[in-house]
Protein backbone atom coordinates (compact mmCIF):
# COMPACT_ATOMS: atom_id res chain seq x y z
CA GLN A 1 -51.57 -25.58 30.10
CA VAL A 2 -49.60 -27.49 32.69
CA GLN A 3 -46.03 -28.32 31.74
CA LEU A 4 -44.31 -31.34 33.25
CA VAL A 5 -40.55 -31.76 33.44
CA ASP A 6 -39.05 -35.19 34.10
CA SER A 7 -35.62 -35.56 35.64
CA GLY A 8 -33.44 -37.96 37.56
CA GLY A 9 -32.73 -40.61 34.98
CA GLY A 10 -29.31 -42.05 34.41
CA LEU A 11 -27.25 -45.19 34.54
CA ALA A 12 -27.57 -47.68 37.37
CA GLN A 13 -26.34 -51.18 38.01
CA ALA A 14 -28.73 -54.06 38.50
CA GLY A 15 -29.86 -54.05 42.10
CA GLY A 16 -29.33 -50.32 42.40
CA SER A 17 -31.72 -47.42 42.83
CA LEU A 18 -32.77 -44.26 41.08
CA ARG A 19 -35.28 -41.58 41.92
CA LEU A 20 -37.15 -39.78 39.20
CA SER A 21 -38.87 -36.44 39.66
CA CYS A 22 -41.69 -34.79 37.76
CA ALA A 23 -42.04 -31.08 38.34
CA ALA A 24 -45.17 -29.24 37.25
CA SER A 25 -45.28 -25.63 36.12
CA GLU A 26 -48.26 -24.91 38.33
CA SER A 27 -50.26 -26.39 41.17
CA ILE A 28 -50.96 -30.11 40.91
CA PHE A 29 -53.79 -29.85 43.38
CA SER A 30 -56.37 -30.31 40.62
CA LEU A 31 -54.48 -33.12 38.90
CA ASN A 32 -56.39 -35.99 40.40
CA VAL A 33 -54.38 -38.63 38.58
CA MET A 34 -50.63 -38.63 38.04
CA GLY A 35 -48.42 -41.46 36.94
CA TRP A 36 -45.40 -42.82 35.18
CA TYR A 37 -45.07 -44.64 31.89
CA ARG A 38 -41.99 -46.17 30.36
CA GLN A 39 -40.98 -47.21 26.88
CA ALA A 40 -38.18 -49.56 26.00
CA THR A 41 -36.60 -49.45 22.56
CA GLY A 42 -38.81 -51.23 20.07
CA LYS A 43 -41.63 -51.75 22.54
CA GLN A 44 -44.89 -50.06 23.30
CA ARG A 45 -45.20 -47.54 26.07
CA GLU A 46 -46.40 -49.23 29.26
CA LEU A 47 -47.92 -47.90 32.43
CA VAL A 48 -45.65 -48.21 35.45
CA GLY A 49 -47.99 -46.87 38.08
CA THR A 50 -50.37 -44.17 39.16
CA ILE A 51 -51.15 -42.03 42.17
CA THR A 52 -54.37 -40.19 42.88
CA SER A 53 -54.86 -36.89 44.65
CA ASN A 54 -55.66 -38.72 47.90
CA GLY A 55 -52.49 -40.79 47.66
CA ASN A 56 -53.85 -44.09 46.41
CA THR A 57 -51.33 -45.91 44.26
CA ASN A 58 -51.40 -48.71 41.73
CA TYR A 59 -48.48 -50.44 40.08
CA ALA A 60 -47.77 -52.74 37.21
CA ASP A 61 -47.06 -56.27 38.37
CA SER A 62 -43.53 -56.01 37.00
CA VAL A 63 -42.60 -53.24 39.46
CA LYS A 64 -44.69 -54.05 42.53
CA GLY A 65 -42.61 -54.14 45.66
CA ARG A 66 -39.70 -52.37 43.96
CA PHE A 67 -41.06 -49.02 42.80
CA THR A 68 -42.87 -46.37 44.84
CA ILE A 69 -44.76 -43.36 43.53
CA SER A 70 -45.31 -40.34 45.72
CA ARG A 71 -46.44 -36.77 45.24
CA ASP A 72 -45.83 -33.52 47.07
CA ASN A 73 -48.56 -31.03 46.31
CA ALA A 74 -46.68 -28.25 48.11
CA LYS A 75 -43.77 -28.70 45.71
CA ASN A 76 -45.94 -29.37 42.67
CA SER A 77 -44.02 -32.57 42.15
CA MET A 78 -44.34 -36.31 41.78
CA TYR A 79 -41.62 -38.87 42.33
CA LEU A 80 -40.78 -42.42 41.32
CA GLN A 81 -38.43 -44.25 43.67
CA MET A 82 -37.00 -47.26 41.88
CA ASN A 83 -35.20 -49.91 43.92
CA SER A 84 -33.80 -53.32 43.06
CA LEU A 85 -33.48 -52.23 39.47
CA LYS A 86 -33.31 -54.83 36.73
CA PRO A 87 -31.97 -54.54 33.17
CA GLU A 88 -35.53 -54.91 31.92
CA ASP A 89 -36.38 -51.62 33.67
CA THR A 90 -34.31 -49.84 31.02
CA GLY A 91 -36.25 -47.33 28.96
CA VAL A 92 -37.45 -43.77 28.70
CA TYR A 93 -39.68 -42.85 31.61
CA TYR A 94 -42.45 -40.30 31.16
CA CYS A 95 -44.60 -38.66 33.76
CA SER A 96 -48.18 -37.93 32.90
CA ALA A 97 -51.11 -36.29 34.61
CA GLY A 98 -54.68 -35.24 34.19
CA ARG A 99 -57.67 -33.97 36.02
CA PHE A 100 -59.55 -37.26 35.62
CA VAL A 101 -57.35 -39.58 33.56
CA LEU A 102 -53.72 -39.75 32.58
CA GLY A 103 -52.58 -38.37 29.28
CA ALA A 104 -53.71 -34.76 29.41
CA TYR A 105 -50.17 -33.64 30.19
CA TRP A 106 -46.82 -35.29 29.53
CA GLY A 107 -43.24 -34.81 30.53
CA GLN A 108 -40.49 -34.92 27.95
CA GLY A 109 -39.08 -38.21 29.23
CA THR A 110 -35.92 -39.20 31.04
CA GLN A 111 -33.68 -42.12 30.11
CA VAL A 112 -33.07 -44.90 32.62
CA THR A 113 -30.43 -47.49 31.79
CA VAL A 114 -29.79 -50.46 34.03
CA SER A 115 -26.67 -52.51 33.39
CA SER A 116 -26.34 -56.14 34.35
């Protein structure tokens, strides 16, 4: 059972940046799909973006051009670089992974708060 640990959340001002990390308890080589979700208070969890084992990425329209997902198989980690943050980016961010689809494994979540 792979365990994922999210970190890097915090408070940022609008226009600022944060970098989230997702560390896996074992090799992510076989995790063909990894990604980030977020959930704002009172709203449904939404997909932020995904990255495949060969590095292909996809992003929600709301974060395209501002967020970048990357993964480092040697470090068993995935990252979410968030730039030009907006107050509407506020929420709990969760990493997720799976061999074929997201959702097999989840991180515990890390809070991101963006002030205006």
